[in-house]
Amino acid sequence: MKNLVFFTHQYLKQMKKKWWKLLLLFVFPLIFIALSFVAMTSLFAHSEQQKMSIAIVNEDSSNESQLLTQLIVTVLKENTYVHAELLSMEEAEARMKQNESTAAIIFPMNFAADLYEGTSVKLNVLGNPQEKTQSLVVNELVETIARYIASAQANILTVYHYAQETSISPEELESLKLELLMDFTFYTMGKSKILREHEWVLLPFENPLHYYSFAILFCLTIIWSILLFVFLSKQTSKSLQVRLKLFGVAFWQEHVARIFTTFMTVLIISSILFVIGLSQLDINYFALDYMRIFLFVSLLILLTLVLCAIFDVVFHSDKVKLLISLFLCAFLIAVSGAVFPTIYFPYSLQQMFPYFYTYDSWKWLTELIFEERNFASYTKSGFMLALALIVYSSLLYVKGRFAR
């Protein structure tokens, strides 16, 4: 413990001695990221009059398609940016030619028949060539709707199959199919809010200033953690390493002290900025809300530092370490979805993003900050931290054994 305190004190002295370099380390990324996000904000900034308009076209005259189209319109009304209305195909095409609609969601003919026959049901999207970005958002939302419908279809067909083996009449079977669809649809939409599964995709559109302010701060937290960890690294000569061993100083003590110093420095700065940002929102946060946000920021910093420490133990070349740190920084920010919504990535990659801790942290932070969630799950981030610490401890043990 005495050695950890000693090394921590040495790192603090190093930071104090090179304060001007440290200032540049914190300020330069802030300016660079802020300018990049300002340029991006122009892509998403829209006024209330320019709200995204979606046409819902029902080419099937069944009760099932009418139920789903009406329900989608009702759900979309909850969003302040999206406006949806039922239109005919001719009206939808005319609206898009006049650039009055972003896209059209089309329920094809024989929708209900395919649904009950077990045929794969697909919804078509007619996009506006003049609004490609918004059309991509609509396409992702339609894929979400399609996944819910596919789940409903599987459940309905299972129940319907067993119902046919009973003495129920054909009329009652038809009534049962519609009832099952209604029950499952209302359940899934009410439970998961079909479009709110990707609600965070629309946050940049609704309030770009607030959203991107926290997105900048989130990215800066990752960047500062990696840069400061690299900044505090120093090469210890072999002769000095031998002397330290003679005094009973282990390699891991210096390494852990560097992680602790970086963690506390970045955590204090990021926490202060998060509190300032939260105070600018028209939302009343309680002490428990601040604690939840504080825990996610802490996990984000600590996980990032442990990853950096793992690479620092594995590789010996300073150039390789720097290259990996830069790649790690860009990768963690990219998969978080804070810069670019994950819908702009290939679908196969989208399936992998939830397994990364930056994605999980950003998702929960946006829900805690903007959605006013009164609960949060730390299981995924906690599990990843435990796994990273096990790998890190194992590497330190192996390196300590070889150093002997």
Protein backbone atom coordinates (compact mmCIF):
# COMPACT_ATOMS: atom_id res chain seq x y z
CA MET A 1 0.00 0.00 0.00
CA LYS A 2 2.88 2.34 0.82
CA ASN A 3 4.37 1.74 -2.64
CA LEU A 4 1.02 2.48 -4.34
CA VAL A 5 0.78 5.79 -2.47
CA PHE A 6 4.37 6.60 -3.42
CA PHE A 7 3.87 5.98 -7.14
CA THR A 8 0.56 7.85 -7.13
CA HIS A 9 2.34 10.82 -5.57
CA GLN A 10 5.05 10.62 -8.23
CA TYR A 11 2.48 10.65 -11.02
CA LEU A 12 0.76 13.66 -9.47
CA LYS A 13 4.12 15.45 -9.33
CA GLN A 14 4.66 14.55 -12.99
CA MET A 15 1.29 16.04 -13.90
CA LYS A 16 2.04 19.19 -11.90
CA LYS A 17 5.44 19.56 -13.51
CA LYS A 18 4.05 19.23 -17.04
CA TRP A 19 0.80 21.09 -16.43
CA TRP A 20 0.90 22.96 -19.74
CA LYS A 21 1.18 19.71 -21.71
CA LEU A 22 -1.61 18.30 -19.60
CA LEU A 23 -3.75 21.34 -20.36
CA LEU A 24 -3.24 20.82 -24.09
CA LEU A 25 -4.07 17.14 -23.64
CA PHE A 26 -7.49 18.05 -22.23
CA VAL A 27 -8.25 21.14 -24.32
CA PHE A 28 -7.17 20.01 -27.81
CA PRO A 29 -9.52 16.97 -27.97
CA LEU A 30 -12.32 19.19 -26.66
CA ILE A 31 -11.88 21.71 -29.49
CA PHE A 32 -11.45 19.01 -32.15
CA ILE A 33 -14.47 16.94 -31.06
CA ALA A 34 -16.65 20.03 -30.57
CA LEU A 35 -15.90 21.31 -34.09
CA SER A 36 -16.59 17.87 -35.56
CA PHE A 37 -19.93 17.63 -33.78
CA VAL A 38 -20.89 21.17 -34.80
CA ALA A 39 -20.38 20.15 -38.41
CA MET A 40 -22.48 17.02 -37.87
CA THR A 41 -25.26 18.84 -36.06
CA SER A 42 -26.19 20.62 -39.27
CA LEU A 43 -27.14 17.23 -40.71
CA PHE A 44 -29.67 16.60 -37.95
CA ALA A 45 -30.87 20.05 -37.00
CA HIS A 46 -34.44 20.55 -38.17
CA SER A 47 -37.12 22.93 -37.11
CA GLU A 48 -40.57 21.90 -35.97
CA GLN A 49 -41.94 22.76 -39.40
CA GLN A 50 -39.44 20.31 -40.95
CA LYS A 51 -40.48 17.38 -38.78
CA MET A 52 -40.18 13.98 -40.41
CA SER A 53 -43.43 13.03 -42.11
CA ILE A 54 -44.19 9.35 -42.76
CA ALA A 55 -47.02 8.06 -44.89
CA ILE A 56 -48.65 4.76 -43.90
CA VAL A 57 -50.07 3.00 -46.95
CA ASN A 58 -52.38 0.03 -46.47
CA GLU A 59 -52.85 -1.96 -49.70
CA ASP A 60 -54.48 -4.82 -47.81
CA SER A 61 -58.13 -4.46 -46.82
CA SER A 62 -58.01 -6.95 -43.93
CA ASN A 63 -58.88 -6.17 -40.34
CA GLU A 64 -55.37 -7.18 -39.30
CA SER A 65 -53.61 -4.63 -41.48
CA GLN A 66 -56.05 -1.91 -40.44
CA LEU A 67 -55.35 -2.72 -36.80
CA LEU A 68 -51.58 -2.52 -37.23
CA THR A 69 -51.57 0.65 -39.33
CA GLN A 70 -53.81 2.47 -36.87
CA LEU A 71 -51.66 1.32 -33.98
CA ILE A 72 -48.43 2.48 -35.66
CA VAL A 73 -49.92 5.91 -36.30
CA THR A 74 -50.98 6.09 -32.63
CA VAL A 75 -47.51 5.11 -31.37
CA LEU A 76 -45.79 7.59 -33.68
CA LYS A 77 -47.90 10.43 -32.31
CA GLU A 78 -45.95 10.11 -29.05
CA ASN A 79 -42.83 11.39 -30.79
CA THR A 80 -42.45 15.13 -31.21
CA TYR A 81 -40.33 14.82 -34.34
CA VAL A 82 -42.23 12.21 -36.34
CA HIS A 83 -45.62 12.78 -37.93
CA ALA A 84 -47.48 9.85 -39.51
CA GLU A 85 -50.81 9.59 -41.32
CA LEU A 86 -52.74 7.03 -43.34
CA LEU A 87 -52.64 7.77 -47.08
CA SER A 88 -53.29 6.01 -50.34
CA MET A 89 -50.37 5.03 -52.58
CA GLU A 90 -51.11 7.85 -55.02
CA GLU A 91 -51.24 10.43 -52.22
CA ALA A 92 -47.97 9.14 -50.71
CA GLU A 93 -46.15 9.33 -54.05
CA ALA A 94 -47.49 12.82 -54.69
CA ARG A 95 -46.36 13.96 -51.22
CA MET A 96 -42.85 12.67 -51.83
CA LYS A 97 -42.61 14.27 -55.24
CA GLN A 98 -43.43 17.56 -53.55
CA ASN A 99 -40.89 16.74 -50.80
CA GLU A 100 -43.64 16.83 -48.15
CA SER A 101 -43.05 13.26 -46.93
CA THR A 102 -39.85 11.56 -45.87
CA ALA A 103 -40.91 7.99 -46.65
CA ALA A 104 -43.86 5.67 -46.97
CA ILE A 105 -44.39 2.43 -45.05
CA ILE A 106 -46.40 0.08 -47.25
CA PHE A 107 -48.45 -2.88 -46.05
CA PRO A 108 -48.63 -5.07 -49.21
CA MET A 109 -51.63 -6.94 -50.55
CA ASN A 110 -52.34 -10.34 -48.99
CA PHE A 111 -50.60 -9.20 -45.82
CA ALA A 112 -53.04 -11.01 -43.51
CA ALA A 113 -53.17 -14.12 -45.72
CA ASP A 114 -49.38 -14.45 -45.69
CA LEU A 115 -49.35 -13.81 -41.96
CA TYR A 116 -51.61 -16.77 -41.21
CA GLU A 117 -50.18 -19.09 -43.88
CA GLY A 118 -46.69 -18.88 -42.41
CA THR A 119 -45.25 -16.97 -45.37
CA SER A 120 -42.58 -14.43 -44.48
CA VAL A 121 -44.29 -11.05 -44.13
CA LYS A 122 -42.39 -8.02 -45.39
CA LEU A 123 -43.24 -4.36 -45.17
CA ASN A 124 -42.05 -2.18 -48.03
CA VAL A 125 -40.43 1.22 -47.61
CA LEU A 126 -40.66 3.89 -50.30
CA GLY A 127 -37.98 6.47 -49.56
CA ASN A 128 -37.66 10.09 -50.60
CA PRO A 129 -34.45 10.50 -52.69
CA GLN A 130 -34.14 14.07 -51.41
CA GLU A 131 -34.02 12.93 -47.75
CA LYS A 132 -31.74 9.91 -47.73
CA THR A 133 -30.63 10.18 -44.09
CA GLN A 134 -34.17 10.37 -42.73
CA SER A 135 -35.24 7.54 -45.06
CA LEU A 136 -32.57 5.32 -43.49
CA VAL A 137 -34.03 6.04 -40.05
CA VAL A 138 -37.51 5.08 -41.29
CA ASN A 139 -36.14 1.89 -42.84
CA GLU A 140 -34.58 0.86 -39.52
CA LEU A 141 -37.85 1.50 -37.71
CA VAL A 142 -39.70 -0.62 -40.26
CA GLU A 143 -37.24 -3.46 -39.67
CA THR A 144 -38.07 -3.20 -35.98
CA ILE A 145 -41.79 -3.41 -36.75
CA ALA A 146 -41.18 -6.40 -39.01
CA ARG A 147 -39.32 -8.24 -36.24
CA TYR A 148 -42.29 -7.74 -33.90
CA ILE A 149 -44.70 -8.97 -36.57
CA ALA A 150 -42.51 -12.05 -37.21
CA SER A 151 -42.59 -12.83 -33.47
CA ALA A 152 -46.36 -12.42 -33.45
CA GLN A 153 -46.67 -14.65 -36.51
CA ALA A 154 -44.68 -17.46 -34.89
CA ASN A 155 -46.80 -17.35 -31.74
CA ILE A 156 -50.09 -17.15 -33.63
CA LEU A 157 -49.24 -20.11 -35.88
CA THR A 158 -48.21 -22.22 -32.88
CA VAL A 159 -51.47 -21.58 -31.02
CA TYR A 160 -53.50 -21.93 -34.24
CA HIS A 161 -51.90 -25.30 -34.99
CA TYR A 162 -52.95 -26.75 -31.63
CA ALA A 163 -56.38 -25.10 -31.82
CA GLN A 164 -57.10 -26.93 -35.10
CA GLU A 165 -56.74 -30.24 -33.30
CA THR A 166 -59.62 -29.35 -30.98
CA SER A 167 -63.34 -29.32 -31.74
CA ILE A 168 -63.43 -25.54 -32.27
CA SER A 169 -65.51 -24.33 -35.25
CA PRO A 170 -63.95 -22.56 -38.32
CA GLU A 171 -65.67 -19.30 -37.36
CA GLU A 172 -64.20 -19.46 -33.88
CA LEU A 173 -60.77 -20.24 -35.36
CA GLU A 174 -60.90 -17.10 -37.50
CA SER A 175 -61.95 -15.06 -34.50
CA LEU A 176 -59.15 -16.62 -32.45
CA LYS A 177 -56.51 -15.66 -35.02
CA LEU A 178 -57.48 -11.99 -34.92
CA GLU A 179 -57.71 -12.05 -31.14
CA LEU A 180 -54.22 -13.57 -30.86
CA LEU A 181 -52.78 -10.94 -33.19
CA MET A 182 -54.39 -8.13 -31.23
CA ASP A 183 -53.28 -9.51 -27.87
CA PHE A 184 -49.69 -10.08 -28.92
CA THR A 185 -49.41 -6.80 -30.80
CA PHE A 186 -50.74 -4.73 -27.91
CA TYR A 187 -48.51 -6.65 -25.52
CA THR A 188 -45.28 -6.11 -27.47
CA MET A 189 -46.01 -2.50 -28.34
CA GLY A 190 -47.11 -1.64 -24.82
CA LYS A 191 -44.20 -3.49 -23.23
CA SER A 192 -41.35 -2.35 -25.45
CA LYS A 193 -42.79 0.66 -27.24
CA ILE A 194 -42.03 -0.65 -30.73
CA LEU A 195 -40.52 2.60 -32.00
CA ARG A 196 -38.94 3.59 -28.71
CA GLU A 197 -36.57 0.63 -29.14
CA HIS A 198 -34.74 3.03 -31.42
CA GLU A 199 -35.90 6.23 -29.72
CA TRP A 200 -32.32 7.30 -29.13
CA VAL A 201 -31.85 7.37 -32.92
CA LEU A 202 -34.27 10.30 -33.02
CA LEU A 203 -32.72 12.20 -30.11
CA PRO A 204 -30.27 14.10 -32.37
CA PHE A 205 -33.24 15.35 -34.37
CA GLU A 206 -35.32 16.45 -31.38
CA ASN A 207 -32.70 18.44 -29.45
CA PRO A 208 -29.32 18.52 -31.20
CA LEU A 209 -27.70 20.93 -28.71
CA HIS A 210 -28.40 18.86 -25.60
CA TYR A 211 -27.83 15.50 -27.27
CA TYR A 212 -24.51 16.38 -28.85
CA SER A 213 -23.28 18.21 -25.75
CA PHE A 214 -23.48 14.97 -23.80
CA ALA A 215 -22.21 12.98 -26.79
CA ILE A 216 -19.13 15.23 -26.89
CA LEU A 217 -18.61 14.77 -23.17
CA PHE A 218 -19.00 10.99 -23.47
CA CYS A 219 -16.41 10.83 -26.27
CA LEU A 220 -14.06 13.15 -24.39
CA THR A 221 -14.24 10.91 -21.32
CA ILE A 222 -12.94 8.00 -23.41
CA ILE A 223 -10.30 10.12 -25.15
CA TRP A 224 -9.04 11.72 -21.93
CA SER A 225 -8.79 8.34 -20.22
CA ILE A 226 -6.63 6.88 -22.99
CA LEU A 227 -4.48 9.96 -23.58
CA LEU A 228 -3.75 10.58 -19.91
CA PHE A 229 -2.83 6.92 -19.38
CA VAL A 230 -0.40 7.16 -22.30
CA PHE A 231 0.84 10.56 -21.07
CA LEU A 232 1.80 9.12 -17.67
CA SER A 233 3.64 6.15 -19.14
CA LYS A 234 7.41 6.17 -18.79
CA GLN A 235 10.17 3.76 -19.62
CA THR A 236 11.99 2.36 -16.61
CA SER A 237 15.56 1.30 -17.27
CA LYS A 238 16.59 -2.27 -16.46
CA SER A 239 19.02 -1.11 -13.79
CA LEU A 240 16.26 0.85 -12.06
CA GLN A 241 13.92 -2.14 -12.34
CA VAL A 242 16.53 -4.28 -10.54
CA ARG A 243 16.88 -1.69 -7.79
CA LEU A 244 13.10 -1.49 -7.35
CA LYS A 245 12.91 -5.28 -7.01
CA LEU A 246 15.60 -5.21 -4.33
CA PHE A 247 13.46 -2.76 -2.39
CA GLY A 248 10.46 -5.08 -2.73
CA VAL A 249 8.63 -3.03 -5.36
CA ALA A 250 6.57 -5.11 -7.80
CA PHE A 251 5.79 -4.15 -11.40
CA TRP A 252 2.05 -4.21 -10.82
CA GLN A 253 2.23 -1.56 -8.09
CA GLU A 254 3.48 1.11 -10.46
CA HIS A 255 0.97 0.05 -13.10
CA VAL A 256 -2.01 0.10 -10.74
CA ALA A 257 -0.93 3.49 -9.41
CA ARG A 258 -0.99 4.86 -12.99
CA ILE A 259 -4.51 3.47 -13.50
CA PHE A 260 -5.70 4.94 -10.20
CA THR A 261 -4.21 8.39 -10.90
CA THR A 262 -5.72 8.52 -14.38
CA PHE A 263 -9.07 7.22 -13.16
CA MET A 264 -9.46 9.80 -10.39
CA THR A 265 -8.33 12.71 -12.59
CA VAL A 266 -10.66 11.94 -15.49
CA LEU A 267 -13.53 11.01 -13.17
CA ILE A 268 -13.38 14.33 -11.31
CA ILE A 269 -13.27 16.40 -14.51
CA SER A 270 -15.97 14.39 -16.29
CA SER A 271 -18.27 14.34 -13.26
CA ILE A 272 -18.07 18.12 -12.89
CA LEU A 273 -18.89 18.61 -16.59
CA PHE A 274 -21.76 16.11 -16.43
CA VAL A 275 -23.26 17.92 -13.44
CA ILE A 276 -22.96 21.26 -15.27
CA GLY A 277 -24.62 19.74 -18.35
CA LEU A 278 -27.45 18.20 -16.35
CA SER A 279 -28.12 21.51 -14.63
CA GLN A 280 -28.84 23.08 -18.02
CA LEU A 281 -31.71 20.68 -18.77
CA ASP A 282 -35.29 21.42 -17.75
CA ILE A 283 -35.44 18.18 -15.77
CA ASN A 284 -35.32 17.72 -12.02
CA TYR A 285 -32.81 15.01 -11.16
CA PHE A 286 -32.62 13.43 -7.72
CA ALA A 287 -29.49 12.36 -5.86
CA LEU A 288 -30.13 8.75 -6.95
CA ASP A 289 -30.20 9.85 -10.61
CA TYR A 290 -26.84 11.54 -10.23
CA MET A 291 -25.50 8.41 -8.54
CA ARG A 292 -26.61 6.18 -11.42
CA ILE A 293 -25.00 8.47 -14.00
CA PHE A 294 -21.87 8.72 -11.85
CA LEU A 295 -21.60 4.90 -11.70
CA PHE A 296 -21.85 4.53 -15.48
CA VAL A 297 -19.20 7.21 -16.01
CA SER A 298 -16.96 5.43 -13.47
CA LEU A 299 -17.43 2.07 -15.20
CA LEU A 300 -16.75 3.66 -18.58
CA ILE A 301 -13.44 5.18 -17.42
CA LEU A 302 -12.28 2.14 -15.47
CA LEU A 303 -13.04 -0.33 -18.27
CA THR A 304 -11.23 1.86 -20.78
CA LEU A 305 -8.18 2.12 -18.52
CA VAL A 306 -8.06 -1.62 -17.83
CA LEU A 307 -8.15 -2.29 -21.59
CA CYS A 308 -5.30 0.18 -22.10
CA ALA A 309 -3.39 -1.46 -19.26
CA ILE A 310 -3.82 -4.91 -20.84
CA PHE A 311 -2.32 -3.73 -24.12
CA ASP A 312 0.41 -1.91 -22.20
CA VAL A 313 1.43 -5.18 -20.52
CA VAL A 314 1.25 -7.29 -23.69
CA PHE A 315 3.21 -4.99 -26.01
CA HIS A 316 6.63 -3.50 -25.40
CA SER A 317 7.14 -1.08 -28.28
CA ASP A 318 6.02 2.49 -27.54
CA LYS A 319 5.00 3.03 -31.16
CA VAL A 320 2.84 -0.09 -31.15
CA LYS A 321 1.23 0.95 -27.86
CA LEU A 322 0.45 4.42 -29.23
CA LEU A 323 -1.01 2.98 -32.45
CA ILE A 324 -3.19 0.53 -30.54
CA SER A 325 -4.34 3.27 -28.16
CA LEU A 326 -5.45 5.45 -31.08
CA PHE A 327 -7.25 2.53 -32.73
CA LEU A 328 -8.89 1.57 -29.43
CA CYS A 329 -10.08 5.15 -28.92
CA ALA A 330 -11.64 5.37 -32.39
CA PHE A 331 -13.16 1.89 -32.10
CA LEU A 332 -14.77 2.45 -28.69
CA ILE A 333 -16.32 5.74 -29.81
CA ALA A 334 -17.57 4.25 -33.10
CA VAL A 335 -19.33 1.25 -31.52
CA SER A 336 -20.92 3.40 -28.79
CA GLY A 337 -23.36 5.04 -31.21
CA ALA A 338 -22.69 8.47 -29.71
CA VAL A 339 -21.21 9.87 -32.93
CA PHE A 340 -23.11 7.96 -35.59
CA PRO A 341 -26.33 6.05 -34.79
CA THR A 342 -25.64 2.35 -35.22
CA ILE A 343 -28.33 2.07 -37.91
CA TYR A 344 -25.82 3.50 -40.40
CA PHE A 345 -23.64 0.42 -40.00
CA PRO A 346 -24.27 -2.94 -41.73
CA TYR A 347 -26.93 -5.00 -40.00
CA SER A 348 -24.45 -7.79 -39.19
CA LEU A 349 -22.29 -5.30 -37.28
CA GLN A 350 -25.32 -3.84 -35.49
CA GLN A 351 -25.92 -7.24 -33.90
CA MET A 352 -22.44 -7.13 -32.33
CA PHE A 353 -22.59 -3.60 -30.87
CA PRO A 354 -24.63 -4.50 -27.74
CA TYR A 355 -21.73 -6.69 -26.61
CA PHE A 356 -19.43 -3.66 -26.21
CA TYR A 357 -19.44 -1.72 -22.96
CA THR A 358 -19.35 1.73 -24.59
CA TYR A 359 -22.60 0.93 -26.42
CA ASP A 360 -24.21 -0.24 -23.18
CA SER A 361 -22.95 2.80 -21.23
CA TRP A 362 -24.10 5.33 -23.84
CA LYS A 363 -27.49 3.65 -24.19
CA TRP A 364 -28.12 3.79 -20.43
CA LEU A 365 -26.75 7.31 -20.06
CA THR A 366 -29.10 8.64 -22.75
CA GLU A 367 -32.04 6.87 -21.14
CA LEU A 368 -31.14 8.16 -17.68
CA ILE A 369 -30.54 11.71 -18.90
CA PHE A 370 -33.18 12.20 -21.58
CA GLU A 371 -35.76 9.50 -20.85
CA GLU A 372 -35.68 10.03 -17.06
CA ARG A 373 -35.39 6.32 -16.32
CA ASN A 374 -35.73 5.45 -12.65
CA PHE A 375 -33.77 2.21 -12.99
CA ALA A 376 -30.55 1.04 -14.63
CA SER A 377 -28.77 -2.27 -15.22
CA TYR A 378 -25.06 -2.51 -14.49
CA THR A 379 -24.85 -6.24 -15.12
CA LYS A 380 -23.27 -6.11 -18.57
CA SER A 381 -20.70 -3.42 -17.74
CA GLY A 382 -19.95 -5.06 -14.39
CA PHE A 383 -19.41 -8.45 -16.03
CA MET A 384 -17.10 -6.92 -18.65
CA LEU A 385 -15.12 -5.13 -15.95
CA ALA A 386 -14.73 -8.35 -13.96
CA LEU A 387 -13.58 -10.22 -17.07
CA ALA A 388 -11.11 -7.45 -17.99
CA LEU A 389 -9.70 -7.40 -14.45
CA ILE A 390 -9.20 -11.18 -14.50
CA VAL A 391 -7.31 -10.96 -17.81
CA TYR A 392 -5.27 -8.00 -16.53
CA SER A 393 -4.39 -9.72 -13.24
CA SER A 394 -3.38 -12.89 -15.09
CA LEU A 395 -1.09 -10.96 -17.42
CA LEU A 396 0.51 -9.12 -14.50
CA TYR A 397 1.10 -12.41 -12.71
CA VAL A 398 2.68 -14.00 -15.80
CA LYS A 399 4.88 -10.96 -16.43
CA GLY A 400 5.94 -10.89 -12.78
CA ARG A 401 6.90 -14.56 -12.93
CA PHE A 402 8.99 -14.07 -16.08
CA ALA A 403 10.60 -10.96 -14.60
CA ARG A 404 12.03 -13.10 -11.84
